[in-house]
PDB file of all heavy atoms in Angstrom:
ATOM      1  N   MET A   1      93.445-113.321  49.036  1.00  0.00           N
ATOM      2  CA  MET A   1      93.102-111.900  49.025  1.00  0.00           C
ATOM      3  C   MET A   1      94.178-111.127  48.261  1.00  0.00           C
ATOM      4  O   MET A   1      95.242-111.680  47.977  1.00  0.00           O
ATOM      5  CB  MET A   1      92.994-111.367  50.468  1.00  0.00           C
ATOM      6  CG  MET A   1      94.292-111.315  51.258  1.00  0.00           C
ATOM      7  SD  MET A   1      94.957-112.928  51.759  1.00  0.00           S
ATOM      8  CE  MET A   1      93.647-113.541  52.815  1.00  0.00           C
ATOM      9  N   PRO A   2      93.915-109.865  47.888  1.00  0.00           N
ATOM     10  CA  PRO A   2      94.950-109.068  47.226  1.00  0.00           C
ATOM     11  C   PRO A   2      96.229-109.048  48.059  1.00  0.00           C
ATOM     12  O   PRO A   2      96.173-108.848  49.274  1.00  0.00           O
ATOM     13  CB  PRO A   2      94.333-107.669  47.137  1.00  0.00           C
ATOM     14  CG  PRO A   2      92.852-107.907  47.177  1.00  0.00           C
ATOM     15  CD  PRO A   2      92.660-109.105  48.057  1.00  0.00           C
ATOM     16  N   ALA A   3      97.363-109.272  47.418  1.00  0.00           N
ATOM     17  CA  ALA A   3      98.620-109.373  48.149  1.00  0.00           C
ATOM     18  C   ALA A   3      99.736-108.662  47.394  1.00  0.00           C
ATOM     19  O   ALA A   3      99.760-108.653  46.161  1.00  0.00           O
ATOM     20  CB  ALA A   3      98.986-110.836  48.375  1.00  0.00           C
ATOM     21  N   VAL A   4     100.652-108.071  48.151  1.00  0.00           N
ATOM     22  CA  VAL A   4     101.799-107.400  47.543  1.00  0.00           C
ATOM     23  C   VAL A   4     103.050-107.699  48.362  1.00  0.00           C
ATOM     24  O   VAL A   4     102.976-108.081  49.529  1.00  0.00           O
ATOM     25  CB  VAL A   4     101.605-105.863  47.470  1.00  0.00           C
ATOM     26  CG1 VAL A   4     100.418-105.510  46.598  1.00  0.00           C
ATOM     27  CG2 VAL A   4     101.470-105.258  48.859  1.00  0.00           C
ATOM     28  N   ILE A   5     104.190-107.550  47.720  1.00  0.00           N
ATOM     29  CA  ILE A   5     105.480-107.592  48.394  1.00  0.00           C
ATOM     30  C   ILE A   5     106.100-106.204  48.283  1.00  0.00           C
ATOM     31  O   ILE A   5     106.212-105.661  47.179  1.00  0.00           O
ATOM     32  CB  ILE A   5     106.419-108.633  47.765  1.00  0.00           C
ATOM     33  CG1 ILE A   5     105.917-110.052  48.057  1.00  0.00           C
ATOM     34  CG2 ILE A   5     107.848-108.465  48.286  1.00  0.00           C
ATOM     35  CD1 ILE A   5     106.745-111.140  47.395  1.00  0.00           C
ATOM     36  N   VAL A   6     106.468-105.637  49.419  1.00  0.00           N
ATOM     37  CA  VAL A   6     107.127-104.333  49.429  1.00  0.00           C
ATOM     38  C   VAL A   6     108.591-104.524  49.817  1.00  0.00           C
ATOM     39  O   VAL A   6     108.885-104.971  50.923  1.00  0.00           O
ATOM     40  CB  VAL A   6     106.460-103.353  50.422  1.00  0.00           C
ATOM     41  CG1 VAL A   6     107.138-101.989  50.343  1.00  0.00           C
ATOM     42  CG2 VAL A   6     104.965-103.222  50.142  1.00  0.00           C
ATOM     43  N   GLU A   7     109.472-104.225  48.882  1.00  0.00           N
ATOM     44  CA  GLU A   7     110.913-104.238  49.144  1.00  0.00           C
ATOM     45  C   GLU A   7     111.287-102.801  49.511  1.00  0.00           C
ATOM     46  O   GLU A   7     111.305-101.913  48.655  1.00  0.00           O
ATOM     47  CB  GLU A   7     111.680-104.702  47.912  1.00  0.00           C
ATOM     48  CG  GLU A   7     111.336-106.101  47.429  1.00  0.00           C
ATOM     49  CD  GLU A   7     112.126-107.189  48.159  1.00  0.00           C
ATOM     50  OE1 GLU A   7     112.908-106.845  49.072  1.00  0.00           O
ATOM     51  OE2 GLU A   7     111.954-108.372  47.808  1.00  0.00           O
ATOM     52  N   VAL A   8     111.575-102.559  50.782  1.00  0.00           N
ATOM     53  CA  VAL A   8     111.724-101.180  51.257  1.00  0.00           C
ATOM     54  C   VAL A   8     113.066-100.549  50.896  1.00  0.00           C
ATOM     55  O   VAL A   8     113.253 -99.338  51.081  1.00  0.00           O
ATOM     56  CB  VAL A   8     111.513-101.100  52.785  1.00  0.00           C
ATOM     57  CG1 VAL A   8     110.102-101.527  53.152  1.00  0.00           C
ATOM     58  CG2 VAL A   8     112.546-101.945  53.533  1.00  0.00           C
ATOM     59  N   GLY A   9     114.000-101.329  50.400  1.00  0.00           N
ATOM     60  CA  GLY A   9     115.300-100.789  50.037  1.00  0.00           C
ATOM     61  C   GLY A   9     116.299-101.907  49.813  1.00  0.00           C
ATOM     62  O   GLY A   9     115.925-103.088  49.723  1.00  0.00           O
ATOM     63  N   TYR A  10     117.583-101.536  49.749  1.00  0.00           N
ATOM     64  CA  TYR A  10     118.641-102.506  49.463  1.00  0.00           C
ATOM     65  C   TYR A  10     119.698-102.497  50.558  1.00  0.00           C
ATOM     66  O   TYR A  10     120.378-101.483  50.777  1.00  0.00           O
ATOM     67  CB  TYR A  10     119.304-102.180  48.126  1.00  0.00           C
ATOM     68  CG  TYR A  10     118.507-102.606  46.920  1.00  0.00           C
ATOM     69  CD1 TYR A  10     117.411-101.866  46.491  1.00  0.00           C
ATOM     70  CD2 TYR A  10     118.843-103.757  46.204  1.00  0.00           C
ATOM     71  CE1 TYR A  10     116.675-102.249  45.376  1.00  0.00           C
ATOM     72  CE2 TYR A  10     118.121-104.150  45.093  1.00  0.00           C
ATOM     73  CZ  TYR A  10     117.034-103.396  44.683  1.00  0.00           C
ATOM     74  OH  TYR A  10     116.308-103.786  43.589  1.00  0.00           O
ATOM     75  N   LEU A  11     119.856-103.639  51.213  1.00  0.00           N
ATOM     76  CA  LEU A  11     120.918-103.769  52.204  1.00  0.00           C
ATOM     77  C   LEU A  11     122.291-103.784  51.551  1.00  0.00           C
ATOM     78  O   LEU A  11     123.305-103.504  52.193  1.00  0.00           O
ATOM     79  CB  LEU A  11     120.740-105.065  53.012  1.00  0.00           C
ATOM     80  CG  LEU A  11     119.790-105.018  54.210  1.00  0.00           C
ATOM     81  CD1 LEU A  11     119.787-106.365  54.914  1.00  0.00           C
ATOM     82  CD2 LEU A  11     120.195-103.921  55.189  1.00  0.00           C
ATOM     83  N   SER A  12     122.334-104.119  50.271  1.00  0.00           N
ATOM     84  CA  SER A  12     123.610-104.184  49.561  1.00  0.00           C
ATOM     85  C   SER A  12     124.153-102.801  49.220  1.00  0.00           C
ATOM     86  O   SER A  12     125.312-102.663  48.824  1.00  0.00           O
ATOM     87  CB  SER A  12     123.452-105.010  48.275  1.00  0.00           C
ATOM     88  OG  SER A  12     122.315-104.585  47.540  1.00  0.00           O
ATOM     89  N   SER A  13     123.314-101.773  49.378  1.00  0.00           N
ATOM     90  CA  SER A  13     123.772-100.395  49.208  1.00  0.00           C
ATOM     91  C   SER A  13     124.221 -99.871  50.567  1.00  0.00           C
ATOM     92  O   SER A  13     123.428 -99.763  51.496  1.00  0.00           O
ATOM     93  CB  SER A  13     122.638 -99.516  48.662  1.00  0.00           C
ATOM     94  OG  SER A  13     122.927 -98.144  48.815  1.00  0.00           O
ATOM     95  N   THR A  14     125.490 -99.558  50.688  1.00  0.00           N
ATOM     96  CA  THR A  14     126.027 -99.104  51.974  1.00  0.00           C
ATOM     97  C   THR A  14     125.300 -97.868  52.485  1.00  0.00           C
ATOM     98  O   THR A  14     124.949 -97.774  53.674  1.00  0.00           O
ATOM     99  CB  THR A  14     127.536 -98.785  51.852  1.00  0.00           C
ATOM    100  OG1 THR A  14     128.213 -99.942  51.372  1.00  0.00           O
ATOM    101  CG2 THR A  14     128.112 -98.386  53.198  1.00  0.00           C
ATOM    102  N   LYS A  15     125.027 -96.929  51.591  1.00  0.00           N
ATOM    103  CA  LYS A  15     124.334 -95.699  51.968  1.00  0.00           C
ATOM    104  C   LYS A  15     122.914 -95.991  52.441  1.00  0.00           C
ATOM    105  O   LYS A  15     122.459 -95.458  53.465  1.00  0.00           O
ATOM    106  CB  LYS A  15     124.322 -94.733  50.787  1.00  0.00           C
ATOM    107  CG  LYS A  15     123.648 -93.401  51.088  1.00  0.00           C
ATOM    108  CD  LYS A  15     123.702 -92.484  49.866  1.00  0.00           C
ATOM    109  CE  LYS A  15     123.020 -91.155  50.152  1.00  0.00           C
ATOM    110  NZ  LYS A  15     123.064 -90.248  48.958  1.00  0.00           N
ATOM    111  N   GLU A  16     122.210 -96.836  51.694  1.00  0.00           N
ATOM    112  CA  GLU A  16     120.821 -97.127  52.047  1.00  0.00           C
ATOM    113  C   GLU A  16     120.740 -98.008  53.284  1.00  0.00           C
ATOM    114  O   GLU A  16     119.813 -97.882  54.083  1.00  0.00           O
ATOM    115  CB  GLU A  16     120.109 -97.790  50.868  1.00  0.00           C
ATOM    116  CG  GLU A  16     118.596 -97.829  51.031  1.00  0.00           C
ATOM    117  CD  GLU A  16     117.892 -97.966  49.707  1.00  0.00           C
ATOM    118  OE1 GLU A  16     118.063 -99.007  49.042  1.00  0.00           O
ATOM    119  OE2 GLU A  16     117.167 -97.032  49.328  1.00  0.00           O
ATOM    120  N   GLN A  17     121.694 -98.891  53.470  1.00  0.00           N
ATOM    121  CA  GLN A  17     121.702 -99.740  54.656  1.00  0.00           C
ATOM    122  C   GLN A  17     121.731 -98.888  55.921  1.00  0.00           C
ATOM    123  O   GLN A  17     121.022 -99.164  56.886  1.00  0.00           O
ATOM    124  CB  GLN A  17     122.904-100.666  54.633  1.00  0.00           C
ATOM    125  CG  GLN A  17     123.071-101.501  55.909  1.00  0.00           C
ATOM    126  CD  GLN A  17     124.501-101.860  56.186  1.00  0.00           C
ATOM    127  OE1 GLN A  17     125.064-102.689  55.487  1.00  0.00           O
ATOM    128  NE2 GLN A  17     125.101-101.253  57.195  1.00  0.00           N
ATOM    129  N   LYS A  18     122.544 -97.853  55.899  1.00  0.00           N
ATOM    130  CA  LYS A  18     122.631 -96.969  57.066  1.00  0.00           C
ATOM    131  C   LYS A  18     121.296 -96.291  57.345  1.00  0.00           C
ATOM    132  O   LYS A  18     120.878 -96.148  58.492  1.00  0.00           O
ATOM    133  CB  LYS A  18     123.729 -95.925  56.841  1.00  0.00           C
ATOM    134  CG  LYS A  18     125.133 -96.507  56.816  1.00  0.00           C
ATOM    135  CD  LYS A  18     126.173 -95.425  56.549  1.00  0.00           C
ATOM    136  CE  LYS A  18     127.572 -96.018  56.528  1.00  0.00           C
ATOM    137  NZ  LYS A  18     128.605 -94.982  56.222  1.00  0.00           N
ATOM    138  N   LYS A  19     120.608 -95.872  56.279  1.00  0.00           N
ATOM    139  CA  LYS A  19     119.299 -95.224  56.467  1.00  0.00           C
ATOM    140  C   LYS A  19     118.257 -96.210  56.978  1.00  0.00           C
ATOM    141  O   LYS A  19     117.436 -95.870  57.835  1.00  0.00           O
ATOM    142  CB  LYS A  19     118.823 -94.606  55.144  1.00  0.00           C
ATOM    143  CG  LYS A  19     119.615 -93.388  54.709  1.00  0.00           C
ATOM    144  CD  LYS A  19     118.867 -92.548  53.684  1.00  0.00           C
ATOM    145  CE  LYS A  19     118.554 -93.305  52.417  1.00  0.00           C
ATOM    146  NZ  LYS A  19     117.865 -92.444  51.415  1.00  0.00           N
ATOM    147  N   LEU A  20     118.291 -97.434  56.448  1.00  0.00           N
ATOM    148  CA  LEU A  20     117.305 -98.436  56.840  1.00  0.00           C
ATOM    149  C   LEU A  20     117.394 -98.793  58.318  1.00  0.00           C
ATOM    150  O   LEU A  20     116.424 -99.281  58.904  1.00  0.00           O
ATOM    151  CB  LEU A  20     117.479 -99.699  55.992  1.00  0.00           C
ATOM    152  CG  LEU A  20     117.025 -99.597  54.533  1.00  0.00           C
ATOM    153  CD1 LEU A  20     117.535-100.781  53.718  1.00  0.00           C
ATOM    154  CD2 LEU A  20     115.506 -99.512  54.456  1.00  0.00           C
ATOM    155  N   GLN A  21     118.513 -98.540  58.922  1.00  0.00           N
ATOM    156  CA  GLN A  21     118.685 -98.819  60.347  1.00  0.00           C
ATOM    157  C   GLN A  21     118.236 -97.664  61.227  1.00  0.00           C
ATOM    158  O   GLN A  21     118.110 -97.828  62.443  1.00  0.00           O
ATOM    159  CB  GLN A  21     120.167 -99.111  60.652  1.00  0.00           C
ATOM    160  CG  GLN A  21     120.683-100.400  60.046  1.00  0.00           C
ATOM    161  CD  GLN A  21     122.159-100.595  60.319  1.00  0.00           C
ATOM    162  OE1 GLN A  21     123.031-100.182  59.551  1.00  0.00           O
ATOM    163  NE2 GLN A  21     122.462-101.214  61.448  1.00  0.00           N
ATOM    164  N   GLN A  22     117.952 -96.514  60.600  1.00  0.00           N
ATOM    165  CA  GLN A  22     117.574 -95.322  61.356  1.00  0.00           C
ATOM    166  C   GLN A  22     116.060 -95.251  61.551  1.00  0.00           C
ATOM    167  O   GLN A  22     115.292 -95.454  60.611  1.00  0.00           O
ATOM    168  CB  GLN A  22     118.055 -94.056  60.633  1.00  0.00           C
ATOM    169  CG  GLN A  22     119.565 -93.997  60.432  1.00  0.00           C
ATOM    170  CD  GLN A  22     120.314 -93.960  61.748  1.00  0.00           C
ATOM    171  OE1 GLN A  22     119.940 -93.246  62.675  1.00  0.00           O
ATOM    172  NE2 GLN A  22     121.379 -94.749  61.833  1.00  0.00           N
ATOM    173  N   SER A  23     115.649 -94.922  62.770  1.00  0.00           N
ATOM    174  CA  SER A  23     114.226 -94.862  63.090  1.00  0.00           C
ATOM    175  C   SER A  23     113.491 -93.832  62.238  1.00  0.00           C
ATOM    176  O   SER A  23     112.371 -94.076  61.790  1.00  0.00           O
ATOM    177  CB  SER A  23     114.042 -94.552  64.577  1.00  0.00           C
ATOM    178  OG  SER A  23     112.671 -94.487  64.905  1.00  0.00           O
ATOM    179  N   TRP A  24     114.122 -92.682  61.985  1.00  0.00           N
ATOM    180  CA  TRP A  24     113.452 -91.626  61.220  1.00  0.00           C
ATOM    181  C   TRP A  24     113.145 -92.073  59.796  1.00  0.00           C
ATOM    182  O   TRP A  24     112.102 -91.711  59.229  1.00  0.00           O
ATOM    183  CB  TRP A  24     114.292 -90.355  61.195  1.00  0.00           C
ATOM    184  CG  TRP A  24     115.615 -90.470  60.501  1.00  0.00           C
ATOM    185  CD1 TRP A  24     116.816 -90.783  61.055  1.00  0.00           C
ATOM    186  CD2 TRP A  24     115.865 -90.294  59.093  1.00  0.00           C
ATOM    187  NE1 TRP A  24     117.809 -90.813  60.094  1.00  0.00           N
ATOM    188  CE2 TRP A  24     117.262 -90.510  58.883  1.00  0.00           C
ATOM    189  CE3 TRP A  24     115.075 -89.961  58.002  1.00  0.00           C
ATOM    190  CZ2 TRP A  24     117.853 -90.414  57.631  1.00  0.00           C
ATOM    191  CZ3 TRP A  24     115.664 -89.873  56.745  1.00  0.00           C
ATOM    192  CH2 TRP A  24     117.028 -90.096  56.568  1.00  0.00           C
ATOM    193  N   TYR A  25     114.046 -92.868  59.212  1.00  0.00           N
ATOM    194  CA  TYR A  25     113.808 -93.330  57.844  1.00  0.00           C
ATOM    195  C   TYR A  25     112.784 -94.453  57.838  1.00  0.00           C
ATOM    196  O   TYR A  25     111.929 -94.527  56.944  1.00  0.00           O
ATOM    197  CB  TYR A  25     115.117 -93.800  57.217  1.00  0.00           C
ATOM    198  CG  TYR A  25     114.990 -94.060  55.724  1.00  0.00           C
ATOM    199  CD1 TYR A  25     114.719 -93.015  54.843  1.00  0.00           C
ATOM    200  CD2 TYR A  25     115.128 -95.342  55.204  1.00  0.00           C
ATOM    201  CE1 TYR A  25     114.597 -93.240  53.479  1.00  0.00           C
ATOM    202  CE2 TYR A  25     115.012 -95.571  53.838  1.00  0.00           C
ATOM    203  CZ  TYR A  25     114.738 -94.525  52.981  1.00  0.00           C
ATOM    204  OH  TYR A  25     114.606 -94.745  51.627  1.00  0.00           O
ATOM    205  N   GLN A  26     112.844 -95.331  58.826  1.00  0.00           N
ATOM    206  CA  GLN A  26     111.819 -96.374  58.954  1.00  0.00           C
ATOM    207  C   GLN A  26     110.436 -95.754  59.116  1.00  0.00           C
ATOM    208  O   GLN A  26     109.450 -96.276  58.600  1.00  0.00           O
ATOM    209  CB  GLN A  26     112.138 -97.282  60.135  1.00  0.00           C
ATOM    210  CG  GLN A  26     113.357 -98.164  59.938  1.00  0.00           C
ATOM    211  CD  GLN A  26     113.583 -99.117  61.104  1.00  0.00           C
ATOM    212  OE1 GLN A  26     112.785 -99.176  62.031  1.00  0.00           O
ATOM    213  NE2 GLN A  26     114.681 -99.853  61.066  1.00  0.00           N
ATOM    214  N   GLU A  27     110.364 -94.630  59.831  1.00  0.00           N
ATOM    215  CA  GLU A  27     109.092 -93.931  60.012  1.00  0.00           C
ATOM    216  C   GLU A  27     108.563 -93.447  58.660  1.00  0.00           C
ATOM    217  O   GLU A  27     107.370 -93.562  58.371  1.00  0.00           O
ATOM    218  CB  GLU A  27     109.272 -92.741  60.950  1.00  0.00           C
ATOM    219  CG  GLU A  27     109.549 -93.110  62.396  1.00  0.00           C
ATOM    220  CD  GLU A  27     108.290 -93.442  63.174  1.00  0.00           C
ATOM    221  OE1 GLU A  27     107.192 -93.152  62.665  1.00  0.00           O
ATOM    222  OE2 GLU A  27     108.408 -93.998  64.276  1.00  0.00           O
ATOM    223  N   GLN A  28     109.425 -92.916  57.830  1.00  0.00           N
ATOM    224  CA  GLN A  28     108.996 -92.435  56.517  1.00  0.00           C
ATOM    225  C   GLN A  28     108.490 -93.583  55.645  1.00  0.00           C
ATOM    226  O   GLN A  28     107.452 -93.470  54.978  1.00  0.00           O
ATOM    227  CB  GLN A  28     110.158 -91.716  55.822  1.00  0.00           C
ATOM    228  CG  GLN A  28     110.523 -90.386  56.446  1.00  0.00           C
ATOM    229  CD  GLN A  28     111.554 -89.630  55.633  1.00  0.00           C
ATOM    230  OE1 GLN A  28     111.625 -89.773  54.405  1.00  0.00           O
ATOM    231  NE2 GLN A  28     112.361 -88.818  56.288  1.00  0.00           N
ATOM    232  N   LEU A  29     109.232 -94.674  55.636  1.00  0.00           N
ATOM    233  CA  LEU A  29     108.810 -95.839  54.857  1.00  0.00           C
ATOM    234  C   LEU A  29     107.489 -96.389  55.366  1.00  0.00           C
ATOM    235  O   LEU A  29     106.574 -96.698  54.585  1.00  0.00           O
ATOM    236  CB  LEU A  29     109.884 -96.927  54.935  1.00  0.00           C
ATOM    237  CG  LEU A  29     111.214 -96.646  54.236  1.00  0.00           C
ATOM    238  CD1 LEU A  29     112.262 -97.664  54.673  1.00  0.00           C
ATOM    239  CD2 LEU A  29     111.048 -96.679  52.721  1.00  0.00           C
ATOM    240  N   SER A  30     107.370 -96.494  56.679  1.00  0.00           N
ATOM    241  CA  SER A  30     106.163 -97.060  57.287  1.00  0.00           C
ATOM    242  C   SER A  30     104.949 -96.190  57.006  1.00  0.00           C
ATOM    243  O   SER A  30     103.856 -96.696  56.724  1.00  0.00           O
ATOM    244  CB  SER A  30     106.358 -97.209  58.805  1.00  0.00           C
ATOM    245  OG  SER A  30     107.460 -98.039  59.090  1.00  0.00           O
ATOM    246  N   ARG A  31     105.144 -94.870  57.072  1.00  0.00           N
ATOM    247  CA  ARG A  31     104.028 -93.949  56.817  1.00  0.00           C
ATOM    248  C   ARG A  31     103.557 -94.071  55.370  1.00  0.00           C
ATOM    249  O   ARG A  31     102.355 -94.040  55.089  1.00  0.00           O
ATOM    250  CB  ARG A  31     104.452 -92.520  57.139  1.00  0.00           C
ATOM    251  CG  ARG A  31     103.300 -91.511  57.122  1.00  0.00           C
ATOM    252  CD  ARG A  31     103.753 -90.147  57.617  1.00  0.00           C
ATOM    253  NE  ARG A  31     104.230 -90.264  58.979  1.00  0.00           N
ATOM    254  CZ  ARG A  31     105.484 -90.069  59.360  1.00  0.00           C
ATOM    255  NH1 ARG A  31     106.406 -89.771  58.461  1.00  0.00           N
ATOM    256  NH2 ARG A  31     105.833 -90.176  60.619  1.00  0.00           N
ATOM    257  N   ALA A  32     104.501 -94.207  54.444  1.00  0.00           N
ATOM    258  CA  ALA A  32     104.138 -94.349  53.036  1.00  0.00           C
ATOM    259  C   ALA A  32     103.362 -95.640  52.796  1.00  0.00           C
ATOM    260  O   ALA A  32     102.345 -95.653  52.094  1.00  0.00           O
ATOM    261  CB  ALA A  32     105.408 -94.324  52.175  1.00  0.00           C
ATOM    262  N   ILE A  33     103.821 -96.729  53.395  1.00  0.00           N
ATOM    263  CA  ILE A  33     103.137 -98.019  53.238  1.00  0.00           C
ATOM    264  C   ILE A  33     101.746 -97.963  53.862  1.00  0.00           C
ATOM    265  O   ILE A  33     100.764 -98.401  53.260  1.00  0.00           O
ATOM    266  CB  ILE A  33     103.971 -99.147  53.872  1.00  0.00           C
ATOM    267  CG1 ILE A  33     105.298 -99.313  53.115  1.00  0.00           C
ATOM    268  CG2 ILE A  33     103.195-100.475  53.875  1.00  0.00           C
ATOM    269  CD1 ILE A  33     106.316-100.167  53.836  1.00  0.00           C
TER     270      ILE A  33
END
């Protein structure tokens, strides 16, 4: 079936890693997906 890979961000970015651990940012990513 149609398939995609979504890379939601970069753990290697210190700034983005902090956001990826936050529920509010996960909510934004999840809503977009």
